[in-house]
């Protein structure tokens, strides 16, 4: 699927009348330089073992989730970017291009009928 998308984009870039030849060359270089293609679900899952969920405490559960995410984000400070991390969950019905990482992401949710 990503190979087909890449080939379609390559053909579109080559046929663009408003783009100069030099810009087309740069665009094609960027297109072939995709670092990562993320399809379906991440290879590394988040570990929620430290989050305690109670059936009768919505606000406590919410506080636990917020605290978990805050601590997880704080632990990233000063460390290299984790390029394997996904910006959305696998069941999300969406797809995106992430310019800083030059990657395309297709979560499993968008790969289900009626979307795909």
PDB file of N, CA and C in Angstrom:
ATOM      1  N   UNK A   1       0.824  -1.185   0.000  1.00  0.00           N
ATOM      2  CA  UNK A   1       0.000   0.000   0.000  1.00  0.00           C
ATOM      3  C   UNK A   1       0.875   1.259   0.000  1.00  0.00           C
ATOM      4  N   UNK A   2       1.876   1.273   0.857  1.00  0.00           N
ATOM      5  CA  UNK A   2       2.748   2.441   0.922  1.00  0.00           C
ATOM      6  C   UNK A   2       3.584   2.556  -0.343  1.00  0.00           C
ATOM      7  N   UNK A   3       3.999   1.422  -0.890  1.00  0.00           N
ATOM      8  CA  UNK A   3       4.751   1.458  -2.158  1.00  0.00           C
ATOM      9  C   UNK A   3       3.883   2.035  -3.270  1.00  0.00           C
ATOM     10  N   UNK A   4       2.608   1.639  -3.311  1.00  0.00           N
ATOM     11  CA  UNK A   4       1.696   2.173  -4.332  1.00  0.00           C
ATOM     12  C   UNK A   4       1.487   3.667  -4.136  1.00  0.00           C
ATOM     13  N   UNK A   5       1.338   4.094  -2.885  1.00  0.00           N
ATOM     14  CA  UNK A   5       1.180   5.513  -2.581  1.00  0.00           C
ATOM     15  C   UNK A   5       2.424   6.291  -3.003  1.00  0.00           C
ATOM     16  N   UNK A   6       3.579   5.743  -2.707  1.00  0.00           N
ATOM     17  CA  UNK A   6       4.838   6.393  -3.077  1.00  0.00           C
ATOM     18  C   UNK A   6       4.965   6.531  -4.590  1.00  0.00           C
ATOM     19  N   UNK A   7       4.622   5.478  -5.320  1.00  0.00           N
ATOM     20  CA  UNK A   7       4.688   5.527  -6.779  1.00  0.00           C
ATOM     21  C   UNK A   7       3.707   6.551  -7.344  1.00  0.00           C
ATOM     22  N   UNK A   8       2.514   6.630  -6.765  1.00  0.00           N
ATOM     23  CA  UNK A   8       1.521   7.614  -7.224  1.00  0.00           C
ATOM     24  C   UNK A   8       2.010   9.034  -6.960  1.00  0.00           C
ATOM     25  N   UNK A   9       2.594   9.261  -5.798  1.00  0.00           N
ATOM     26  CA  UNK A   9       3.129  10.589  -5.487  1.00  0.00           C
ATOM     27  C   UNK A   9       4.290  10.943  -6.413  1.00  0.00           C
ATOM     28  N   UNK A  10       5.122   9.956  -6.717  1.00  0.00           N
ATOM     29  CA  UNK A  10       6.249  10.182  -7.627  1.00  0.00           C
ATOM     30  C   UNK A  10       5.736  10.614  -9.003  1.00  0.00           C
ATOM     31  N   UNK A  11       4.708   9.928  -9.496  1.00  0.00           N
ATOM     32  CA  UNK A  11       4.135  10.281 -10.797  1.00  0.00           C
ATOM     33  C   UNK A  11       3.514  11.674 -10.757  1.00  0.00           C
ATOM     34  N   UNK A  12       2.830  11.994  -9.666  1.00  0.00           N
ATOM     35  CA  UNK A  12       2.223  13.326  -9.534  1.00  0.00           C
ATOM     36  C   UNK A  12       3.292  14.423  -9.539  1.00  0.00           C
ATOM     37  N   UNK A  13       4.361  14.201  -8.787  1.00  0.00           N
ATOM     38  CA  UNK A  13       5.430  15.204  -8.717  1.00  0.00           C
ATOM     39  C   UNK A  13       6.033  15.453 -10.097  1.00  0.00           C
ATOM     40  N   UNK A  14       6.278  14.398 -10.842  1.00  0.00           N
ATOM     41  CA  UNK A  14       6.883  14.527 -12.173  1.00  0.00           C
ATOM     42  C   UNK A  14       5.996  15.310 -13.138  1.00  0.00           C
ATOM     43  N   UNK A  15       4.668  15.254 -12.925  1.00  0.00           N
ATOM     44  CA  UNK A  15       3.724  15.905 -13.843  1.00  0.00           C
ATOM     45  C   UNK A  15       3.262  17.287 -13.391  1.00  0.00           C
ATOM     46  N   UNK A  16       3.739  17.785 -12.270  1.00  0.00           N
ATOM     47  CA  UNK A  16       3.282  19.079 -11.776  1.00  0.00           C
ATOM     48  C   UNK A  16       3.782  20.221 -12.666  1.00  0.00           C
ATOM     49  N   UNK A  17       2.876  20.976 -13.251  1.00  0.00           N
ATOM     50  CA  UNK A  17       3.306  22.058 -14.139  1.00  0.00           C
ATOM     51  C   UNK A  17       3.852  23.277 -13.388  1.00  0.00           C
ATOM     52  N   UNK A  18       3.453  23.479 -12.152  1.00  0.00           N
ATOM     53  CA  UNK A  18       3.845  24.670 -11.407  1.00  0.00           C
ATOM     54  C   UNK A  18       5.169  24.509 -10.663  1.00  0.00           C
ATOM     55  N   UNK A  19       5.729  23.295 -10.643  1.00  0.00           N
ATOM     56  CA  UNK A  19       6.955  23.043  -9.898  1.00  0.00           C
ATOM     57  C   UNK A  19       8.144  23.061 -10.856  1.00  0.00           C
ATOM     58  N   UNK A  20       9.213  23.764 -10.474  1.00  0.00           N
ATOM     59  CA  UNK A  20      10.410  23.800 -11.315  1.00  0.00           C
ATOM     60  C   UNK A  20      11.105  22.439 -11.289  1.00  0.00           C
ATOM     61  N   UNK A  21      11.964  22.209 -12.270  1.00  0.00           N
ATOM     62  CA  UNK A  21      12.678  20.926 -12.350  1.00  0.00           C
ATOM     63  C   UNK A  21      13.565  20.713 -11.120  1.00  0.00           C
ATOM     64  N   UNK A  22      14.227  21.773 -10.666  1.00  0.00           N
ATOM     65  CA  UNK A  22      15.090  21.657  -9.483  1.00  0.00           C
ATOM     66  C   UNK A  22      14.269  21.279  -8.248  1.00  0.00           C
ATOM     67  N   UNK A  23      13.086  21.874  -8.120  1.00  0.00           N
ATOM     68  CA  UNK A  23      12.219  21.566  -6.985  1.00  0.00           C
ATOM     69  C   UNK A  23      11.690  20.142  -7.086  1.00  0.00           C
ATOM     70  N   UNK A  24      11.382  19.695  -8.295  1.00  0.00           N
ATOM     71  CA  UNK A  24      10.921  18.320  -8.495  1.00  0.00           C
ATOM     72  C   UNK A  24      11.987  17.320  -8.062  1.00  0.00           C
ATOM     73  N   UNK A  25      13.235  17.618  -8.387  1.00  0.00           N
ATOM     74  CA  UNK A  25      14.338  16.733  -7.984  1.00  0.00           C
ATOM     75  C   UNK A  25      14.401  16.643  -6.464  1.00  0.00           C
ATOM     76  N   UNK A  26      14.311  17.784  -5.789  1.00  0.00           N
ATOM     77  CA  UNK A  26      14.334  17.798  -4.314  1.00  0.00           C
ATOM     78  C   UNK A  26      13.128  17.053  -3.737  1.00  0.00           C
ATOM     79  N   UNK A  27      11.952  17.245  -4.319  1.00  0.00           N
ATOM     80  CA  UNK A  27      10.740  16.579  -3.843  1.00  0.00           C
ATOM     81  C   UNK A  27      10.859  15.063  -4.005  1.00  0.00           C
ATOM     82  N   UNK A  28      11.409  14.627  -5.112  1.00  0.00           N
ATOM     83  CA  UNK A  28      11.589  13.189  -5.330  1.00  0.00           C
ATOM     84  C   UNK A  28      12.633  12.605  -4.383  1.00  0.00           C
ATOM     85  N   UNK A  29      13.669  13.374  -4.069  1.00  0.00           N
ATOM     86  CA  UNK A  29      14.658  12.929  -3.082  1.00  0.00           C
ATOM     87  C   UNK A  29      14.009  12.748  -1.724  1.00  0.00           C
ATOM     88  N   UNK A  30      13.176  13.708  -1.337  1.00  0.00           N
ATOM     89  CA  UNK A  30      12.497  13.620  -0.047  1.00  0.00           C
ATOM     90  C   UNK A  30      11.532  12.438  -0.032  1.00  0.00           C
ATOM     91  N   UNK A  31      10.850  12.216  -1.131  1.00  0.00           N
ATOM     92  CA  UNK A  31       9.898  11.111  -1.217  1.00  0.00           C
ATOM     93  C   UNK A  31      10.588   9.765  -1.039  1.00  0.00           C
ATOM     94  N   UNK A  32      11.759   9.605  -1.629  1.00  0.00           N
ATOM     95  CA  UNK A  32      12.478   8.328  -1.515  1.00  0.00           C
ATOM     96  C   UNK A  32      13.224   8.191  -0.193  1.00  0.00           C
ATOM     97  N   UNK A  33      13.222   9.236   0.622  1.00  0.00           N
ATOM     98  CA  UNK A  33      13.954   9.214   1.885  1.00  0.00           C
ATOM     99  C   UNK A  33      13.060   8.936   3.093  1.00  0.00           C
ATOM    100  N   UNK A  34      11.846   8.416   2.865  1.00  0.00           N
ATOM    101  CA  UNK A  34      11.004   8.088   4.019  1.00  0.00           C
ATOM    102  C   UNK A  34      11.789   7.226   4.979  1.00  0.00           C
ATOM    103  N   UNK A  35      11.875   7.674   6.227  1.00  0.00           N
ATOM    104  CA  UNK A  35      12.639   6.938   7.237  1.00  0.00           C
ATOM    105  C   UNK A  35      11.894   5.705   7.720  1.00  0.00           C
ATOM    106  N   UNK A  36      10.621   5.869   7.973  1.00  0.00           N
ATOM    107  CA  UNK A  36       9.848   4.806   8.597  1.00  0.00           C
ATOM    108  C   UNK A  36       8.452   4.787   8.020  1.00  0.00           C
ATOM    109  N   UNK A  37       7.946   3.604   7.798  1.00  0.00           N
ATOM    110  CA  UNK A  37       6.556   3.442   7.440  1.00  0.00           C
ATOM    111  C   UNK A  37       5.899   2.620   8.540  1.00  0.00           C
ATOM    112  N   UNK A  38       4.976   3.226   9.225  1.00  0.00           N
ATOM    113  CA  UNK A  38       4.303   2.565  10.338  1.00  0.00           C
ATOM    114  C   UNK A  38       2.914   2.153   9.884  1.00  0.00           C
ATOM    115  N   UNK A  39       2.656   0.856   9.908  1.00  0.00           N
ATOM    116  CA  UNK A  39       1.378   0.334   9.449  1.00  0.00           C
ATOM    117  C   UNK A  39       0.815  -0.614  10.501  1.00  0.00           C
ATOM    118  N   UNK A  40      -0.459  -0.412  10.858  1.00  0.00           N
ATOM    119  CA  UNK A  40      -1.156  -1.320  11.758  1.00  0.00           C
ATOM    120  C   UNK A  40      -1.030  -0.953  13.220  1.00  0.00           C
ATOM    121  N   UNK A  41       0.085  -1.288  13.822  1.00  0.00           N
ATOM    122  CA  UNK A  41       0.281  -1.051  15.252  1.00  0.00           C
ATOM    123  C   UNK A  41       1.774  -0.950  15.551  1.00  0.00           C
ATOM    124  N   UNK A  42       2.121  -0.347  16.695  1.00  0.00           N
ATOM    125  CA  UNK A  42       3.547  -0.182  17.019  1.00  0.00           C
ATOM    126  C   UNK A  42       4.210  -1.513  17.383  1.00  0.00           C
ATOM    127  N   UNK A  43       5.500  -1.587  17.150  1.00  0.00           N
ATOM    128  CA  UNK A  43       6.264  -2.774  17.547  1.00  0.00           C
ATOM    129  C   UNK A  43       6.486  -2.803  19.052  1.00  0.00           C
ATOM    130  N   UNK A  44       6.482  -1.620  19.670  1.00  0.00           N
ATOM    131  CA  UNK A  44       6.706  -1.516  21.106  1.00  0.00           C
ATOM    132  C   UNK A  44       5.464  -0.880  21.738  1.00  0.00           C
ATOM    133  N   UNK A  45       4.844  -1.580  22.675  1.00  0.00           N
ATOM    134  CA  UNK A  45       3.618  -1.103  23.315  1.00  0.00           C
ATOM    135  C   UNK A  45       3.930  -0.350  24.597  1.00  0.00           C
ATOM    136  N   UNK A  46       3.066   0.591  24.947  1.00  0.00           N
ATOM    137  CA  UNK A  46       3.201   1.289  26.223  1.00  0.00           C
ATOM    138  C   UNK A  46       2.864   0.314  27.344  1.00  0.00           C
ATOM    139  N   UNK A  47       3.565   0.433  28.460  1.00  0.00           N
ATOM    140  CA  UNK A  47       3.326  -0.435  29.609  1.00  0.00           C
ATOM    141  C   UNK A  47       2.524   0.333  30.656  1.00  0.00           C
ATOM    142  N   UNK A  48       1.275  -0.030  30.812  1.00  0.00           N
ATOM    143  CA  UNK A  48       0.393   0.643  31.763  1.00  0.00           C
ATOM    144  C   UNK A  48       0.319  -0.088  33.092  1.00  0.00           C
ATOM    145  N   UNK A  49       1.294  -0.924  33.414  1.00  0.00           N
ATOM    146  CA  UNK A  49       1.265  -1.732  34.637  1.00  0.00           C
ATOM    147  C   UNK A  49       1.191  -0.881  35.904  1.00  0.00           C
ATOM    148  N   UNK A  50       1.693   0.341  35.852  1.00  0.00           N
ATOM    149  CA  UNK A  50       1.684   1.191  37.046  1.00  0.00           C
ATOM    150  C   UNK A  50       0.367   1.938  37.244  1.00  0.00           C
ATOM    151  N   UNK A  51      -0.539   1.833  36.285  1.00  0.00           N
ATOM    152  CA  UNK A  51      -1.832   2.522  36.377  1.00  0.00           C
ATOM    153  C   UNK A  51      -2.856   1.575  36.991  1.00  0.00           C
ATOM    154  N   UNK A  52      -3.446   1.997  38.100  1.00  0.00           N
ATOM    155  CA  UNK A  52      -4.478   1.203  38.759  1.00  0.00           C
ATOM    156  C   UNK A  52      -5.835   1.766  38.373  1.00  0.00           C
ATOM    157  N   UNK A  53      -6.700   0.901  37.851  1.00  0.00           N
ATOM    158  CA  UNK A  53      -8.027   1.332  37.421  1.00  0.00           C
ATOM    159  C   UNK A  53      -9.059   0.757  38.376  1.00  0.00           C
ATOM    160  N   UNK A  54      -9.930   1.636  38.853  1.00  0.00           N
ATOM    161  CA  UNK A  54     -10.998   1.229  39.757  1.00  0.00           C
ATOM    162  C   UNK A  54     -12.338   1.380  39.050  1.00  0.00           C
ATOM    163  N   UNK A  55     -13.196   0.407  39.193  1.00  0.00           N
ATOM    164  CA  UNK A  55     -14.504   0.420  38.543  1.00  0.00           C
ATOM    165  C   UNK A  55     -15.367   1.586  39.028  1.00  0.00           C
ATOM    166  N   UNK A  56     -15.171   2.060  40.246  1.00  0.00           N
ATOM    167  CA  UNK A  56     -16.054   3.062  40.849  1.00  0.00           C
ATOM    168  C   UNK A  56     -15.424   4.431  41.053  1.00  0.00           C
ATOM    169  N   UNK A  57     -14.310   4.719  40.390  1.00  0.00           N
ATOM    170  CA  UNK A  57     -13.628   5.986  40.656  1.00  0.00           C
ATOM    171  C   UNK A  57     -13.152   6.622  39.347  1.00  0.00           C
ATOM    172  N   UNK A  58     -14.081   7.212  38.593  1.00  0.00           N
ATOM    173  CA  UNK A  58     -13.741   7.820  37.309  1.00  0.00           C
ATOM    174  C   UNK A  58     -12.654   8.878  37.472  1.00  0.00           C
ATOM    175  N   UNK A  59     -12.829   9.796  38.412  1.00  0.00           N
ATOM    176  CA  UNK A  59     -11.874  10.896  38.564  1.00  0.00           C
ATOM    177  C   UNK A  59     -10.512  10.397  39.035  1.00  0.00           C
ATOM    178  N   UNK A  60     -10.508   9.406  39.905  1.00  0.00           N
ATOM    179  CA  UNK A  60      -9.245   8.804  40.322  1.00  0.00           C
ATOM    180  C   UNK A  60      -8.551   8.115  39.160  1.00  0.00           C
ATOM    181  N   UNK A  61      -9.328   7.421  38.315  1.00  0.00           N
ATOM    182  CA  UNK A  61      -8.765   6.762  37.135  1.00  0.00           C
ATOM    183  C   UNK A  61      -8.174   7.794  36.177  1.00  0.00           C
ATOM    184  N   UNK A  62      -8.913   8.880  36.002  1.00  0.00           N
ATOM    185  CA  UNK A  62      -8.446   9.949  35.106  1.00  0.00           C
ATOM    186  C   UNK A  62      -7.148  10.559  35.634  1.00  0.00           C
ATOM    187  N   UNK A  63      -7.096  10.783  36.936  1.00  0.00           N
ATOM    188  CA  UNK A  63      -5.890  11.328  37.560  1.00  0.00           C
ATOM    189  C   UNK A  63      -4.710  10.369  37.381  1.00  0.00           C
ATOM    190  N   UNK A  64      -4.956   9.071  37.544  1.00  0.00           N
ATOM    191  CA  UNK A  64      -3.899   8.068  37.344  1.00  0.00           C
ATOM    192  C   UNK A  64      -3.372   8.133  35.900  1.00  0.00           C
ATOM    193  N   UNK A  65      -4.289   8.234  34.937  1.00  0.00           N
ATOM    194  CA  UNK A  65      -3.893   8.276  33.530  1.00  0.00           C
ATOM    195  C   UNK A  65      -3.086   9.537  33.222  1.00  0.00           C
ATOM    196  N   UNK A  66      -3.541  10.670  33.733  1.00  0.00           N
ATOM    197  CA  UNK A  66      -2.837  11.933  33.511  1.00  0.00           C
ATOM    198  C   UNK A  66      -1.445  11.876  34.140  1.00  0.00           C
ATOM    199  N   UNK A  67      -1.360  11.351  35.341  1.00  0.00           N
ATOM    200  CA  UNK A  67      -0.073  11.244  36.044  1.00  0.00           C
ATOM    201  C   UNK A  67       0.877  10.326  35.276  1.00  0.00           C
ATOM    202  N   UNK A  68       0.357   9.209  34.790  1.00  0.00           N
ATOM    203  CA  UNK A  68       1.173   8.282  34.007  1.00  0.00           C
ATOM    204  C   UNK A  68       1.758   8.972  32.779  1.00  0.00           C
ATOM    205  N   UNK A  69       0.900   9.651  32.009  1.00  0.00           N
ATOM    206  CA  UNK A  69       1.357  10.311  30.775  1.00  0.00           C
ATOM    207  C   UNK A  69       2.343  11.433  31.077  1.00  0.00           C
ATOM    208  N   UNK A  70       2.073  12.206  32.133  1.00  0.00           N
ATOM    209  CA  UNK A  70       2.994  13.286  32.498  1.00  0.00           C
ATOM    210  C   UNK A  70       4.363  12.713  32.841  1.00  0.00           C
ATOM    211  N   UNK A  71       4.395  11.674  33.666  1.00  0.00           N
ATOM    212  CA  UNK A  71       5.671  11.070  34.051  1.00  0.00           C
ATOM    213  C   UNK A  71       6.385  10.461  32.844  1.00  0.00           C
ATOM    214  N   UNK A  72       5.630   9.845  31.949  1.00  0.00           N
ATOM    215  CA  UNK A  72       6.220   9.254  30.749  1.00  0.00           C
ATOM    216  C   UNK A  72       6.859  10.332  29.880  1.00  0.00           C
ATOM    217  N   UNK A  73       6.176  11.462  29.750  1.00  0.00           N
ATOM    218  CA  UNK A  73       6.721  12.574  28.964  1.00  0.00           C
ATOM    219  C   UNK A  73       7.930  13.213  29.645  1.00  0.00           C
ATOM    220  N   UNK A  74       7.895  13.340  30.971  1.00  0.00           N
ATOM    221  CA  UNK A  74       9.030  13.914  31.692  1.00  0.00           C
ATOM    222  C   UNK A  74      10.271  13.032  31.573  1.00  0.00           C
ATOM    223  N   UNK A  75      10.079  11.726  31.500  1.00  0.00           N
ATOM    224  CA  UNK A  75      11.216  10.812  31.374  1.00  0.00           C
ATOM    225  C   UNK A  75      11.904  10.923  30.006  1.00  0.00           C
ATOM    226  N   UNK A  76      11.267  11.538  29.051  1.00  0.00           N
ATOM    227  CA  UNK A  76      11.845  11.702  27.718  1.00  0.00           C
ATOM    228  C   UNK A  76      12.860  12.849  27.660  1.00  0.00           C
ATOM    229  N   UNK A  77      12.798  13.748  28.631  1.00  0.00           N
ATOM    230  CA  UNK A  77      13.658  14.931  28.610  1.00  0.00           C
ATOM    231  C   UNK A  77      15.129  14.521  28.631  1.00  0.00           C
ATOM    232  N   UNK A  78      15.887  15.089  27.715  1.00  0.00           N
ATOM    233  CA  UNK A  78      17.325  14.831  27.646  1.00  0.00           C
ATOM    234  C   UNK A  78      17.693  13.540  26.937  1.00  0.00           C
ATOM    235  N   UNK A  79      16.703  12.814  26.461  1.00  0.00           N
ATOM    236  CA  UNK A  79      16.975  11.555  25.767  1.00  0.00           C
ATOM    237  C   UNK A  79      16.728  11.745  24.270  1.00  0.00           C
ATOM    238  N   UNK A  80      17.328  10.886  23.449  1.00  0.00           N
ATOM    239  CA  UNK A  80      17.086  10.987  22.004  1.00  0.00           C
ATOM    240  C   UNK A  80      15.618  10.711  21.677  1.00  0.00           C
ATOM    241  N   UNK A  81      15.160  11.263  20.571  1.00  0.00           N
ATOM    242  CA  UNK A  81      13.790  11.048  20.130  1.00  0.00           C
ATOM    243  C   UNK A  81      13.563   9.576  19.826  1.00  0.00           C
ATOM    244  N   UNK A  82      12.464   9.045  20.330  1.00  0.00           N
ATOM    245  CA  UNK A  82      12.084   7.664  20.043  1.00  0.00           C
ATOM    246  C   UNK A  82      11.314   7.664  18.726  1.00  0.00           C
ATOM    247  N   UNK A  83      11.965   7.317  17.649  1.00  0.00           N
ATOM    248  CA  UNK A  83      11.344   7.363  16.327  1.00  0.00           C
ATOM    249  C   UNK A  83      10.368   6.212  16.099  1.00  0.00           C
ATOM    250  N   UNK A  84      10.301   5.282  17.039  1.00  0.00           N
ATOM    251  CA  UNK A  84       9.342   4.184  16.910  1.00  0.00           C
ATOM    252  C   UNK A  84       7.998   4.519  17.561  1.00  0.00           C
ATOM    253  N   UNK A  85       7.947   5.624  18.304  1.00  0.00           N
ATOM    254  CA  UNK A  85       6.717   5.999  19.011  1.00  0.00           C
ATOM    255  C   UNK A  85       5.655   6.490  18.025  1.00  0.00           C
ATOM    256  N   UNK A  86       4.422   6.084  18.267  1.00  0.00           N
ATOM    257  CA  UNK A  86       3.295   6.478  17.422  1.00  0.00           C
ATOM    258  C   UNK A  86       2.581   7.671  18.024  1.00  0.00           C
ATOM    259  N   UNK A  87       2.032   8.535  17.165  1.00  0.00           N
ATOM    260  CA  UNK A  87       1.307   9.710  17.624  1.00  0.00           C
ATOM    261  C   UNK A  87      -0.169   9.461  17.876  1.00  0.00           C
ATOM    262  N   UNK A  88      -0.642   8.254  17.610  1.00  0.00           N
ATOM    263  CA  UNK A  88      -2.041   7.904  17.856  1.00  0.00           C
ATOM    264  C   UNK A  88      -2.128   6.409  18.143  1.00  0.00           C
ATOM    265  N   UNK A  89      -3.288   6.000  18.637  1.00  0.00           N
ATOM    266  CA  UNK A  89      -3.467   4.597  18.991  1.00  0.00           C
ATOM    267  C   UNK A  89      -3.821   3.767  17.759  1.00  0.00           C
ATOM    268  N   UNK A  90      -3.554   2.459  17.775  1.00  0.00           N
ATOM    269  CA  UNK A  90      -3.859   1.608  16.626  1.00  0.00           C
ATOM    270  C   UNK A  90      -5.322   1.626  16.174  1.00  0.00           C
ATOM    271  N   UNK A  91      -6.321   1.689  17.074  1.00  0.00           N
ATOM    272  CA  UNK A  91      -7.700   1.680  16.572  1.00  0.00           C
ATOM    273  C   UNK A  91      -8.184   3.020  16.010  1.00  0.00           C
ATOM    274  N   UNK A  92      -7.365   4.034  16.029  1.00  0.00           N
ATOM    275  CA  UNK A  92      -7.757   5.343  15.535  1.00  0.00           C
ATOM    276  C   UNK A  92      -8.015   5.298  14.033  1.00  0.00           C
ATOM    277  N   UNK A  93      -9.117   5.902  13.614  1.00  0.00           N
ATOM    278  CA  UNK A  93      -9.460   5.962  12.189  1.00  0.00           C
ATOM    279  C   UNK A  93      -8.874   7.256  11.639  1.00  0.00           C
ATOM    280  N   UNK A  94      -7.627   7.170  11.204  1.00  0.00           N
ATOM    281  CA  UNK A  94      -6.903   8.320  10.684  1.00  0.00           C
ATOM    282  C   UNK A  94      -5.596   7.811  10.085  1.00  0.00           C
ATOM    283  N   UNK A  95      -4.886   8.652   9.411  1.00  0.00           N
ATOM    284  CA  UNK A  95      -3.544   8.369   8.924  1.00  0.00           C
ATOM    285  C   UNK A  95      -2.835   9.713   8.854  1.00  0.00           C
ATOM    286  N   UNK A  96      -1.520   9.706   8.924  1.00  0.00           N
ATOM    287  CA  UNK A  96      -0.823  10.987   8.895  1.00  0.00           C
ATOM    288  C   UNK A  96       0.600  10.860   8.367  1.00  0.00           C
ATOM    289  N   UNK A  97       1.108  11.997   7.931  1.00  0.00           N
ATOM    290  CA  UNK A  97       2.508  12.144   7.554  1.00  0.00           C
ATOM    291  C   UNK A  97       3.150  13.001   8.634  1.00  0.00           C
ATOM    292  N   UNK A  98       4.254  12.546   9.188  1.00  0.00           N
ATOM    293  CA  UNK A  98       4.954  13.266  10.238  1.00  0.00           C
ATOM    294  C   UNK A  98       6.223  13.887   9.637  1.00  0.00           C
ATOM    295  N   UNK A  99       6.190  15.199   9.322  1.00  0.00           N
ATOM    296  CA  UNK A  99       7.343  15.826   8.663  1.00  0.00           C
ATOM    297  C   UNK A  99       8.668  15.749   9.434  1.00  0.00           C
ATOM    298  N   UNK A 100       8.702  15.985  10.763  1.00  0.00           N
ATOM    299  CA  UNK A 100      10.008  15.924  11.438  1.00  0.00           C
ATOM    300  C   UNK A 100      10.678  14.552  11.337  1.00  0.00           C
ATOM    301  N   UNK A 101       9.882  13.486  11.346  1.00  0.00           N
ATOM    302  CA  UNK A 101      10.453  12.137  11.236  1.00  0.00           C
ATOM    303  C   UNK A 101      10.389  11.598   9.812  1.00  0.00           C
ATOM    304  N   UNK A 102       9.785  12.343   8.894  1.00  0.00           N
ATOM    305  CA  UNK A 102       9.624  11.942   7.503  1.00  0.00           C
ATOM    306  C   UNK A 102       9.075  10.521   7.417  1.00  0.00           C
ATOM    307  N   UNK A 103       7.888  10.329   8.018  1.00  0.00           N
ATOM    308  CA  UNK A 103       7.276   9.008   8.067  1.00  0.00           C
ATOM    309  C   UNK A 103       5.784   9.084   7.751  1.00  0.00           C
ATOM    310  N   UNK A 104       5.257   7.971   7.254  1.00  0.00           N
ATOM    311  CA  UNK A 104       3.828   7.834   7.009  1.00  0.00           C
ATOM    312  C   UNK A 104       3.294   6.830   8.023  1.00  0.00           C
ATOM    313  N   UNK A 105       2.138   7.137   8.618  1.00  0.00           N
ATOM    314  CA  UNK A 105       1.554   6.255   9.631  1.00  0.00           C
ATOM    315  C   UNK A 105       0.116   5.908   9.249  1.00  0.00           C
ATOM    316  N   UNK A 106      -0.162   4.610   9.190  1.00  0.00           N
ATOM    317  CA  UNK A 106      -1.501   4.092   8.921  1.00  0.00           C
ATOM    318  C   UNK A 106      -1.902   3.179  10.080  1.00  0.00           C
ATOM    319  N   UNK A 107      -2.618   3.703  11.090  1.00  0.00           N
ATOM    320  CA  UNK A 107      -3.072   2.835  12.182  1.00  0.00           C
ATOM    321  C   UNK A 107      -4.076   1.797  11.673  1.00  0.00           C
ATOM    322  N   UNK A 108      -4.215   0.707  12.425  1.00  0.00           N
ATOM    323  CA  UNK A 108      -5.103  -0.388  12.025  1.00  0.00           C
ATOM    324  C   UNK A 108      -6.547   0.077  11.815  1.00  0.00           C
ATOM    325  N   UNK A 109      -6.988   1.087  12.565  1.00  0.00           N
ATOM    326  CA  UNK A 109      -8.365   1.548  12.459  1.00  0.00           C
ATOM    327  C   UNK A 109      -8.742   2.031  11.084  1.00  0.00           C
ATOM    328  N   UNK A 110      -7.828   2.675  10.392  1.00  0.00           N
ATOM    329  CA  UNK A 110      -8.140   3.196   9.054  1.00  0.00           C
ATOM    330  C   UNK A 110      -8.059   2.085   7.996  1.00  0.00           C
ATOM    331  N   UNK A 111      -7.475   0.958   8.358  1.00  0.00           N
ATOM    332  CA  UNK A 111      -7.307  -0.144   7.416  1.00  0.00           C
ATOM    333  C   UNK A 111      -8.476  -1.135   7.470  1.00  0.00           C
ATOM    334  N   UNK A 112      -9.561  -0.757   8.145  1.00  0.00           N
ATOM    335  CA  UNK A 112     -10.748  -1.606   8.285  1.00  0.00           C
ATOM    336  C   UNK A 112     -11.885  -1.069   7.429  1.00  0.00           C
ATOM    337  N   UNK A 113     -12.816  -1.941   7.021  1.00  0.00           N
ATOM    338  CA  UNK A 113     -13.988  -1.471   6.299  1.00  0.00           C
ATOM    339  C   UNK A 113     -14.781  -0.498   7.174  1.00  0.00           C
ATOM    340  N   UNK A 114     -15.399   0.487   6.657  1.00  0.00           N
ATOM    341  CA  UNK A 114     -15.590   0.801   5.251  1.00  0.00           C
ATOM    342  C   UNK A 114     -14.509   1.720   4.700  1.00  0.00           C
ATOM    343  N   UNK A 115     -13.479   2.001   5.458  1.00  0.00           N
ATOM    344  CA  UNK A 115     -12.471   2.986   5.046  1.00  0.00           C
ATOM    345  C   UNK A 115     -11.464   2.416   4.058  1.00  0.00           C
ATOM    346  N   UNK A 116     -11.173   1.125   4.174  1.00  0.00           N
ATOM    347  CA  UNK A 116     -10.155   0.528   3.308  1.00  0.00           C
ATOM    348  C   UNK A 116     -10.710  -0.735   2.691  1.00  0.00           C
TER     349      UNK A 116
END
